[in-house]
Amino acid sequence: MRVGILGASGRVGARLVEQILTNPGLELAAALVSPQSRLIGSPVAGGSLEYRPADAAMKSHCNVMIDFSTPAASLAFQETLGTKTIPMVIGTTGFTGEEEERLTGFSRHRAMLISANFANGFEAFRLAVVGFSQRMPEAEAAVSETYHARKKAEASGTSRLLASQLFQARSAAMGFAAPEPSITVNREGDTVGINEVRFEMGSAEAVFTYRVHTLAAYAEGALAAAQWLASKPRAAGRYQLADSLNGND
């Protein structure tokens, strides 16, 4: 499978490049970086492929593209692709509501699997906390996150996703709009990622914690999603991580 990476010099993008180069079943077809990157023109891992910016004339012949960049770069890349049908796996986060709508619009042309968190096991964690909230709607939910000190101080896409789905689950179970879960943001050293959901029930408390030890976890999950997306022709549209994990071919 030929894979292209948008954001190839980023924290997760660099791990994706490493994993593709060491996997005999995968081939790195494109390593795309910002037009301002100092890596442009330099070889990737000493090979024949060079880092380069995305442009309308690019011909990478990818079976699938994986995007871990920025919202602006991600949307600009979708514009560049136009009506091309290259399947996309998008792990970029931080899109506004309007940008999310634009992203969905591009999925009319190609299959796009989009998730706020591709780390191995996160989907099971998400389902567990949403399921608990559905069964115990009286429990007050609170979300917290801890990431590395260089990450923006605003809540991550993962925390916003959890808070939104907990709100929806609890509201549906109670039949009226529940209070929205609070989100506590922590930044510490080189922490890769800790996501926690705490349910307060007065006389008892339940705490669900998901901890990522290395950035490779995000790369592994994104590659698994890419392999599923490219395993056979997929209809254009927007897919969720759950689609690739629930046994659907």
C-alpha atoms as a PDB file:
ATOM      1  CA  MET A   1       0.000   0.000   0.000  1.00  0.00           C
ATOM      2  CA  ARG A   2       1.362   3.388  -1.030  1.00  0.00           C
ATOM      3  CA  VAL A   3       0.826   5.985   1.698  1.00  0.00           C
ATOM      4  CA  GLY A   4       1.235   9.763   1.591  1.00  0.00           C
ATOM      5  CA  ILE A   5       1.665  11.827   4.764  1.00  0.00           C
ATOM      6  CA  LEU A   6       0.530  15.446   5.165  1.00  0.00           C
ATOM      7  CA  GLY A   7       2.374  16.955   8.122  1.00  0.00           C
ATOM      8  CA  ALA A   8       5.275  14.542   7.689  1.00  0.00           C
ATOM      9  CA  SER A   9       7.620  16.546   9.927  1.00  0.00           C
ATOM     10  CA  GLY A  10       5.180  16.894  12.833  1.00  0.00           C
ATOM     11  CA  ARG A  11       5.132  14.933  16.098  1.00  0.00           C
ATOM     12  CA  VAL A  12       2.827  12.195  14.794  1.00  0.00           C
ATOM     13  CA  GLY A  13       3.736  12.625  11.116  1.00  0.00           C
ATOM     14  CA  ALA A  14       7.372  11.782  11.808  1.00  0.00           C
ATOM     15  CA  ARG A  15       6.315   8.573  13.588  1.00  0.00           C
ATOM     16  CA  LEU A  16       4.108   7.660  10.657  1.00  0.00           C
ATOM     17  CA  VAL A  17       7.052   8.065   8.297  1.00  0.00           C
ATOM     18  CA  GLU A  18       9.204   5.858  10.532  1.00  0.00           C
ATOM     19  CA  GLN A  19       6.589   3.116  10.732  1.00  0.00           C
ATOM     20  CA  ILE A  20       5.913   3.121   6.993  1.00  0.00           C
ATOM     21  CA  LEU A  21       9.611   2.907   6.142  1.00  0.00           C
ATOM     22  CA  THR A  22      10.096  -0.092   8.441  1.00  0.00           C
ATOM     23  CA  ASN A  23       6.972  -1.971   7.318  1.00  0.00           C
ATOM     24  CA  PRO A  24       7.627  -4.162   4.244  1.00  0.00           C
ATOM     25  CA  GLY A  25       3.942  -4.051   3.299  1.00  0.00           C
ATOM     26  CA  LEU A  26       3.878  -0.253   3.082  1.00  0.00           C
ATOM     27  CA  GLU A  27       5.545   2.287   0.795  1.00  0.00           C
ATOM     28  CA  LEU A  28       5.973   5.993   1.523  1.00  0.00           C
ATOM     29  CA  ALA A  29       4.662   7.747  -1.592  1.00  0.00           C
ATOM     30  CA  ALA A  30       4.711  11.363  -0.382  1.00  0.00           C
ATOM     31  CA  ALA A  31       6.090  13.265   2.627  1.00  0.00           C
ATOM     32  CA  LEU A  32       4.341  16.630   2.524  1.00  0.00           C
ATOM     33  CA  VAL A  33       5.341  19.527   4.759  1.00  0.00           C
ATOM     34  CA  SER A  34       4.616  23.235   5.134  1.00  0.00           C
ATOM     35  CA  PRO A  35       5.781  25.488   2.248  1.00  0.00           C
ATOM     36  CA  GLN A  36       7.956  27.247   4.857  1.00  0.00           C
ATOM     37  CA  SER A  37       9.620  24.053   6.082  1.00  0.00           C
ATOM     38  CA  ARG A  38      13.407  23.890   6.017  1.00  0.00           C
ATOM     39  CA  LEU A  39      13.121  20.202   5.127  1.00  0.00           C
ATOM     40  CA  ILE A  40      11.832  20.871   1.602  1.00  0.00           C
ATOM     41  CA  GLY A  41      14.135  19.227  -0.924  1.00  0.00           C
ATOM     42  CA  SER A  42      15.960  17.106   1.642  1.00  0.00           C
ATOM     43  CA  PRO A  43      15.759  13.293   1.444  1.00  0.00           C
ATOM     44  CA  VAL A  44      13.483  11.361   3.768  1.00  0.00           C
ATOM     45  CA  ALA A  45      15.631   9.055   5.919  1.00  0.00           C
ATOM     46  CA  GLY A  46      18.432   9.244   3.358  1.00  0.00           C
ATOM     47  CA  GLY A  47      16.308   7.700   0.593  1.00  0.00           C
ATOM     48  CA  SER A  48      15.305   8.899  -2.850  1.00  0.00           C
ATOM     49  CA  LEU A  49      12.010  10.476  -1.711  1.00  0.00           C
ATOM     50  CA  GLU A  50      12.205  14.142  -0.724  1.00  0.00           C
ATOM     51  CA  TYR A  51      10.110  16.275   1.587  1.00  0.00           C
ATOM     52  CA  ARG A  52       7.980  18.681  -0.436  1.00  0.00           C
ATOM     53  CA  PRO A  53       4.965  20.952  -0.099  1.00  0.00           C
ATOM     54  CA  ALA A  54       1.595  20.024  -1.514  1.00  0.00           C
ATOM     55  CA  ASP A  55       0.719  21.562  -4.866  1.00  0.00           C
ATOM     56  CA  ALA A  56      -2.013  21.156  -7.451  1.00  0.00           C
ATOM     57  CA  ALA A  57       0.325  19.407  -9.893  1.00  0.00           C
ATOM     58  CA  MET A  58       1.569  16.750  -7.487  1.00  0.00           C
ATOM     59  CA  LYS A  59       1.280  13.151  -8.662  1.00  0.00           C
ATOM     60  CA  SER A  60       2.065  10.865  -5.767  1.00  0.00           C
ATOM     61  CA  HIS A  61      -0.088   7.901  -6.864  1.00  0.00           C
ATOM     62  CA  CYS A  62      -1.101   7.203  -3.277  1.00  0.00           C
ATOM     63  CA  ASN A  63      -3.549   4.513  -2.291  1.00  0.00           C
ATOM     64  CA  VAL A  64      -4.352   6.601   0.784  1.00  0.00           C
ATOM     65  CA  MET A  65      -3.282   9.866   2.457  1.00  0.00           C
ATOM     66  CA  ILE A  66      -2.897  10.428   6.206  1.00  0.00           C
ATOM     67  CA  ASP A  67      -3.209  13.986   7.501  1.00  0.00           C
ATOM     68  CA  PHE A  68      -1.731  15.092  10.844  1.00  0.00           C
ATOM     69  CA  SER A  69      -1.186  18.784  10.138  1.00  0.00           C
ATOM     70  CA  THR A  70      -3.163  21.904  11.134  1.00  0.00           C
ATOM     71  CA  PRO A  71      -6.757  22.885  10.327  1.00  0.00           C
ATOM     72  CA  ALA A  72      -5.595  25.533   7.848  1.00  0.00           C
ATOM     73  CA  ALA A  73      -3.157  23.168   6.125  1.00  0.00           C
ATOM     74  CA  SER A  74      -5.699  20.359   6.106  1.00  0.00           C
ATOM     75  CA  LEU A  75      -8.408  22.441   4.447  1.00  0.00           C
ATOM     76  CA  ALA A  76      -5.946  23.940   1.974  1.00  0.00           C
ATOM     77  CA  PHE A  77      -4.874  20.425   1.022  1.00  0.00           C
ATOM     78  CA  GLN A  78      -8.492  19.401   0.443  1.00  0.00           C
ATOM     79  CA  GLU A  79      -8.861  22.401  -1.869  1.00  0.00           C
ATOM     80  CA  THR A  80      -5.711  21.310  -3.693  1.00  0.00           C
ATOM     81  CA  LEU A  81      -7.069  17.795  -4.194  1.00  0.00           C
ATOM     82  CA  GLY A  82     -10.231  19.172  -5.787  1.00  0.00           C
ATOM     83  CA  THR A  83     -12.330  16.250  -7.014  1.00  0.00           C
ATOM     84  CA  LYS A  84      -9.578  13.624  -6.754  1.00  0.00           C
ATOM     85  CA  THR A  85     -10.806  10.453  -5.093  1.00  0.00           C
ATOM     86  CA  ILE A  86      -7.747   9.657  -2.948  1.00  0.00           C
ATOM     87  CA  PRO A  87      -9.012   8.215   0.377  1.00  0.00           C
ATOM     88  CA  MET A  88      -8.075  10.361   3.392  1.00  0.00           C
ATOM     89  CA  VAL A  89      -7.437   9.551   7.043  1.00  0.00           C
ATOM     90  CA  ILE A  90      -7.514  12.774   9.069  1.00  0.00           C
ATOM     91  CA  GLY A  91      -6.160  13.000  12.604  1.00  0.00           C
ATOM     92  CA  THR A  92      -5.798  16.790  12.565  1.00  0.00           C
ATOM     93  CA  THR A  93      -7.840  18.431  15.326  1.00  0.00           C
ATOM     94  CA  GLY A  94      -8.922  21.953  16.272  1.00  0.00           C
ATOM     95  CA  PHE A  95     -11.410  22.550  13.450  1.00  0.00           C
ATOM     96  CA  THR A  96     -14.135  25.124  14.127  1.00  0.00           C
ATOM     97  CA  GLY A  97     -17.764  24.247  13.449  1.00  0.00           C
ATOM     98  CA  GLU A  98     -17.605  26.041  10.104  1.00  0.00           C
ATOM     99  CA  GLU A  99     -14.367  24.257   9.188  1.00  0.00           C
ATOM    100  CA  GLU A 100     -15.953  20.914  10.087  1.00  0.00           C
ATOM    101  CA  GLU A 101     -18.754  21.691   7.624  1.00  0.00           C
ATOM    102  CA  ARG A 102     -16.211  22.476   4.916  1.00  0.00           C
ATOM    103  CA  LEU A 103     -14.424  19.215   5.661  1.00  0.00           C
ATOM    104  CA  THR A 104     -17.680  17.311   5.324  1.00  0.00           C
ATOM    105  CA  GLY A 105     -18.280  19.060   2.001  1.00  0.00           C
ATOM    106  CA  PHE A 106     -14.992  17.701   0.627  1.00  0.00           C
ATOM    107  CA  SER A 107     -16.093  14.177   1.547  1.00  0.00           C
ATOM    108  CA  ARG A 108     -18.514  14.321  -1.366  1.00  0.00           C
ATOM    109  CA  HIS A 109     -15.503  13.629  -3.586  1.00  0.00           C
ATOM    110  CA  ARG A 110     -13.633  10.968  -1.567  1.00  0.00           C
ATOM    111  CA  ALA A 111     -13.806   8.647   1.406  1.00  0.00           C
ATOM    112  CA  MET A 112     -12.577  10.481   4.524  1.00  0.00           C
ATOM    113  CA  LEU A 113     -12.100   8.761   7.883  1.00  0.00           C
ATOM    114  CA  ILE A 114     -11.840  11.457  10.550  1.00  0.00           C
ATOM    115  CA  SER A 115     -11.144  11.026  14.256  1.00  0.00           C
ATOM    116  CA  ALA A 116      -9.958  13.179  17.143  1.00  0.00           C
ATOM    117  CA  ASN A 117      -7.911  10.281  18.530  1.00  0.00           C
ATOM    118  CA  PHE A 118      -6.503   7.266  16.673  1.00  0.00           C
ATOM    119  CA  ALA A 119      -4.532   5.772  19.572  1.00  0.00           C
ATOM    120  CA  ASN A 120      -4.982   2.037  20.068  1.00  0.00           C
ATOM    121  CA  GLY A 121      -7.822   1.384  22.529  1.00  0.00           C
ATOM    122  CA  PHE A 122      -9.223   4.906  22.605  1.00  0.00           C
ATOM    123  CA  GLU A 123     -12.405   3.913  20.789  1.00  0.00           C
ATOM    124  CA  ALA A 124     -13.134   1.254  23.417  1.00  0.00           C
ATOM    125  CA  PHE A 125     -12.457   3.858  26.135  1.00  0.00           C
ATOM    126  CA  ARG A 126     -14.877   6.297  24.474  1.00  0.00           C
ATOM    127  CA  LEU A 127     -17.600   3.674  24.209  1.00  0.00           C
ATOM    128  CA  ALA A 128     -17.082   2.684  27.851  1.00  0.00           C
ATOM    129  CA  VAL A 129     -17.537   6.194  29.249  1.00  0.00           C
ATOM    130  CA  VAL A 130     -20.519   6.958  26.995  1.00  0.00           C
ATOM    131  CA  GLY A 131     -22.089   3.643  27.988  1.00  0.00           C
ATOM    132  CA  PHE A 132     -21.595   4.399  31.684  1.00  0.00           C
ATOM    133  CA  SER A 133     -23.237   7.803  31.234  1.00  0.00           C
ATOM    134  CA  GLN A 134     -26.216   6.203  29.496  1.00  0.00           C
ATOM    135  CA  ARG A 135     -26.679   3.723  32.330  1.00  0.00           C
ATOM    136  CA  MET A 136     -25.963   6.219  35.127  1.00  0.00           C
ATOM    137  CA  PRO A 137     -27.348   9.533  33.806  1.00  0.00           C
ATOM    138  CA  GLU A 138     -27.626  10.960  37.320  1.00  0.00           C
ATOM    139  CA  ALA A 139     -23.830  10.886  37.642  1.00  0.00           C
ATOM    140  CA  GLU A 140     -22.192  14.274  37.033  1.00  0.00           C
ATOM    141  CA  ALA A 141     -19.469  13.875  34.399  1.00  0.00           C
ATOM    142  CA  ALA A 142     -16.228  15.867  34.214  1.00  0.00           C
ATOM    143  CA  VAL A 143     -13.482  15.539  31.591  1.00  0.00           C
ATOM    144  CA  SER A 144      -9.791  16.276  32.080  1.00  0.00           C
ATOM    145  CA  GLU A 145      -6.703  16.007  29.908  1.00  0.00           C
ATOM    146  CA  THR A 146      -2.947  16.214  30.362  1.00  0.00           C
ATOM    147  CA  TYR A 147      -0.604  16.709  27.407  1.00  0.00           C
ATOM    148  CA  HIS A 148       2.936  17.967  26.846  1.00  0.00           C
ATOM    149  CA  ALA A 149       3.804  21.528  27.857  1.00  0.00           C
ATOM    150  CA  ARG A 150       4.188  22.723  24.249  1.00  0.00           C
ATOM    151  CA  LYS A 151       0.599  21.917  23.301  1.00  0.00           C
ATOM    152  CA  LYS A 152      -1.905  24.778  23.095  1.00  0.00           C
ATOM    153  CA  ALA A 153      -3.672  25.524  26.364  1.00  0.00           C
ATOM    154  CA  GLU A 154      -7.139  25.102  24.852  1.00  0.00           C
ATOM    155  CA  ALA A 155      -9.044  21.830  25.204  1.00  0.00           C
ATOM    156  CA  SER A 156      -8.056  19.164  22.696  1.00  0.00           C
ATOM    157  CA  GLY A 157     -10.355  17.671  20.101  1.00  0.00           C
ATOM    158  CA  THR A 158     -10.373  14.467  22.152  1.00  0.00           C
ATOM    159  CA  SER A 159     -11.725  16.203  25.260  1.00  0.00           C
ATOM    160  CA  ARG A 160     -14.284  18.173  23.293  1.00  0.00           C
ATOM    161  CA  LEU A 161     -15.469  14.963  21.621  1.00  0.00           C
ATOM    162  CA  LEU A 162     -15.829  13.196  24.965  1.00  0.00           C
ATOM    163  CA  ALA A 163     -17.663  16.123  26.558  1.00  0.00           C
ATOM    164  CA  SER A 164     -20.042  16.430  23.608  1.00  0.00           C
ATOM    165  CA  GLN A 165     -20.906  12.735  23.534  1.00  0.00           C
ATOM    166  CA  LEU A 166     -21.326  12.538  27.314  1.00  0.00           C
ATOM    167  CA  PHE A 167     -23.695  15.503  27.167  1.00  0.00           C
ATOM    168  CA  GLN A 168     -25.725  13.878  24.385  1.00  0.00           C
ATOM    169  CA  ALA A 169     -25.867  10.487  26.111  1.00  0.00           C
ATOM    170  CA  ARG A 170     -26.898  11.896  29.465  1.00  0.00           C
ATOM    171  CA  SER A 171     -29.460  14.259  27.956  1.00  0.00           C
ATOM    172  CA  ALA A 172     -31.034  11.455  25.932  1.00  0.00           C
ATOM    173  CA  ALA A 173     -31.250   9.190  28.996  1.00  0.00           C
ATOM    174  CA  MET A 174     -32.854  11.882  31.180  1.00  0.00           C
ATOM    175  CA  GLY A 175     -35.122  13.360  28.531  1.00  0.00           C
ATOM    176  CA  PHE A 176     -33.887  16.919  28.954  1.00  0.00           C
ATOM    177  CA  ALA A 177     -30.701  18.914  28.400  1.00  0.00           C
ATOM    178  CA  ALA A 178     -28.141  17.925  31.014  1.00  0.00           C
ATOM    179  CA  PRO A 179     -25.386  20.257  32.211  1.00  0.00           C
ATOM    180  CA  GLU A 180     -22.417  20.144  29.882  1.00  0.00           C
ATOM    181  CA  PRO A 181     -19.394  18.357  31.376  1.00  0.00           C
ATOM    182  CA  SER A 182     -16.539  20.590  32.473  1.00  0.00           C
ATOM    183  CA  ILE A 183     -13.140  20.195  30.798  1.00  0.00           C
ATOM    184  CA  THR A 184      -9.941  20.641  32.811  1.00  0.00           C
ATOM    185  CA  VAL A 185      -6.772  21.237  30.786  1.00  0.00           C
ATOM    186  CA  ASN A 186      -3.321  20.371  32.129  1.00  0.00           C
ATOM    187  CA  ARG A 187       0.061  20.723  30.427  1.00  0.00           C
ATOM    188  CA  GLU A 188       3.037  18.909  31.927  1.00  0.00           C
ATOM    189  CA  GLY A 189       6.536  18.249  30.578  1.00  0.00           C
ATOM    190  CA  ASP A 190       6.636  15.676  27.789  1.00  0.00           C
ATOM    191  CA  THR A 191       3.391  13.903  28.679  1.00  0.00           C
ATOM    192  CA  VAL A 192       2.097  12.193  25.538  1.00  0.00           C
ATOM    193  CA  GLY A 193      -1.543  12.030  26.534  1.00  0.00           C
ATOM    194  CA  ILE A 194      -3.780  11.297  29.528  1.00  0.00           C
ATOM    195  CA  ASN A 195      -7.565  11.494  29.177  1.00  0.00           C
ATOM    196  CA  GLU A 196      -9.799  11.086  32.190  1.00  0.00           C
ATOM    197  CA  VAL A 197     -13.555  11.063  32.723  1.00  0.00           C
ATOM    198  CA  ARG A 198     -14.800  11.285  36.285  1.00  0.00           C
ATOM    199  CA  PHE A 199     -18.379  10.495  37.311  1.00  0.00           C
ATOM    200  CA  GLU A 200     -19.523  11.918  40.666  1.00  0.00           C
ATOM    201  CA  MET A 201     -22.475  10.087  42.256  1.00  0.00           C
ATOM    202  CA  GLY A 202     -22.441  11.563  45.748  1.00  0.00           C
ATOM    203  CA  SER A 203     -21.877   8.389  47.734  1.00  0.00           C
ATOM    204  CA  ALA A 204     -19.570   6.916  45.088  1.00  0.00           C
ATOM    205  CA  GLU A 205     -17.316   7.927  42.239  1.00  0.00           C
ATOM    206  CA  ALA A 206     -16.195   6.256  39.020  1.00  0.00           C
ATOM    207  CA  VAL A 207     -13.018   7.292  37.180  1.00  0.00           C
ATOM    208  CA  PHE A 208     -12.029   6.161  33.673  1.00  0.00           C
ATOM    209  CA  THR A 209      -8.438   6.894  32.620  1.00  0.00           C
ATOM    210  CA  TYR A 210      -6.803   6.409  29.236  1.00  0.00           C
ATOM    211  CA  ARG A 211      -3.048   6.927  29.036  1.00  0.00           C
ATOM    212  CA  VAL A 212      -0.879   6.982  25.887  1.00  0.00           C
ATOM    213  CA  HIS A 213       2.764   6.099  26.518  1.00  0.00           C
ATOM    214  CA  THR A 214       4.308   6.961  23.130  1.00  0.00           C
ATOM    215  CA  LEU A 215       3.360   8.925  20.018  1.00  0.00           C
ATOM    216  CA  ALA A 216       3.689   5.680  18.084  1.00  0.00           C
ATOM    217  CA  ALA A 217       0.225   4.753  19.408  1.00  0.00           C
ATOM    218  CA  TYR A 218      -1.398   7.482  17.301  1.00  0.00           C
ATOM    219  CA  ALA A 219       0.613   6.483  14.229  1.00  0.00           C
ATOM    220  CA  GLU A 220      -0.236   2.794  14.633  1.00  0.00           C
ATOM    221  CA  GLY A 221      -3.950   3.546  14.896  1.00  0.00           C
ATOM    222  CA  ALA A 222      -3.937   5.890  11.914  1.00  0.00           C
ATOM    223  CA  LEU A 223      -2.116   3.329   9.768  1.00  0.00           C
ATOM    224  CA  ALA A 224      -4.593   0.621  10.751  1.00  0.00           C
ATOM    225  CA  ALA A 225      -7.453   2.949   9.777  1.00  0.00           C
ATOM    226  CA  ALA A 226      -5.705   3.760   6.477  1.00  0.00           C
ATOM    227  CA  GLN A 227      -5.308   0.068   5.678  1.00  0.00           C
ATOM    228  CA  TRP A 228      -9.014  -0.485   6.297  1.00  0.00           C
ATOM    229  CA  LEU A 229     -10.007   2.545   4.221  1.00  0.00           C
ATOM    230  CA  ALA A 230      -7.848   1.483   1.277  1.00  0.00           C
ATOM    231  CA  SER A 231      -8.537  -2.253   1.536  1.00  0.00           C
ATOM    232  CA  LYS A 232     -11.317  -1.950  -1.047  1.00  0.00           C
ATOM    233  CA  PRO A 233     -13.088   0.857  -2.938  1.00  0.00           C
ATOM    234  CA  ARG A 234     -15.089   2.944  -0.457  1.00  0.00           C
ATOM    235  CA  ALA A 235     -17.978   5.194  -1.360  1.00  0.00           C
ATOM    236  CA  ALA A 236     -17.262   8.902  -1.000  1.00  0.00           C
ATOM    237  CA  GLY A 237     -18.380  10.179   2.375  1.00  0.00           C
ATOM    238  CA  ARG A 238     -17.331  10.789   5.941  1.00  0.00           C
ATOM    239  CA  TYR A 239     -16.368   7.751   8.039  1.00  0.00           C
ATOM    240  CA  GLN A 240     -15.726   7.352  11.769  1.00  0.00           C
ATOM    241  CA  LEU A 241     -13.040   5.335  13.504  1.00  0.00           C
ATOM    242  CA  ALA A 242     -15.746   2.957  14.719  1.00  0.00           C
ATOM    243  CA  ASP A 243     -16.474   2.022  11.089  1.00  0.00           C
ATOM    244  CA  SER A 244     -13.005   0.499  10.801  1.00  0.00           C
ATOM    245  CA  LEU A 245     -13.227  -1.367  14.103  1.00  0.00           C
ATOM    246  CA  ASN A 246     -16.686  -2.884  14.180  1.00  0.00           C
ATOM    247  CA  GLY A 247     -16.012  -5.682  11.716  1.00  0.00           C
ATOM    248  CA  ASN A 248     -17.392  -3.954   8.637  1.00  0.00           C
ATOM    249  CA  ASP A 249     -15.498  -4.869   5.467  1.00  0.00           C
END
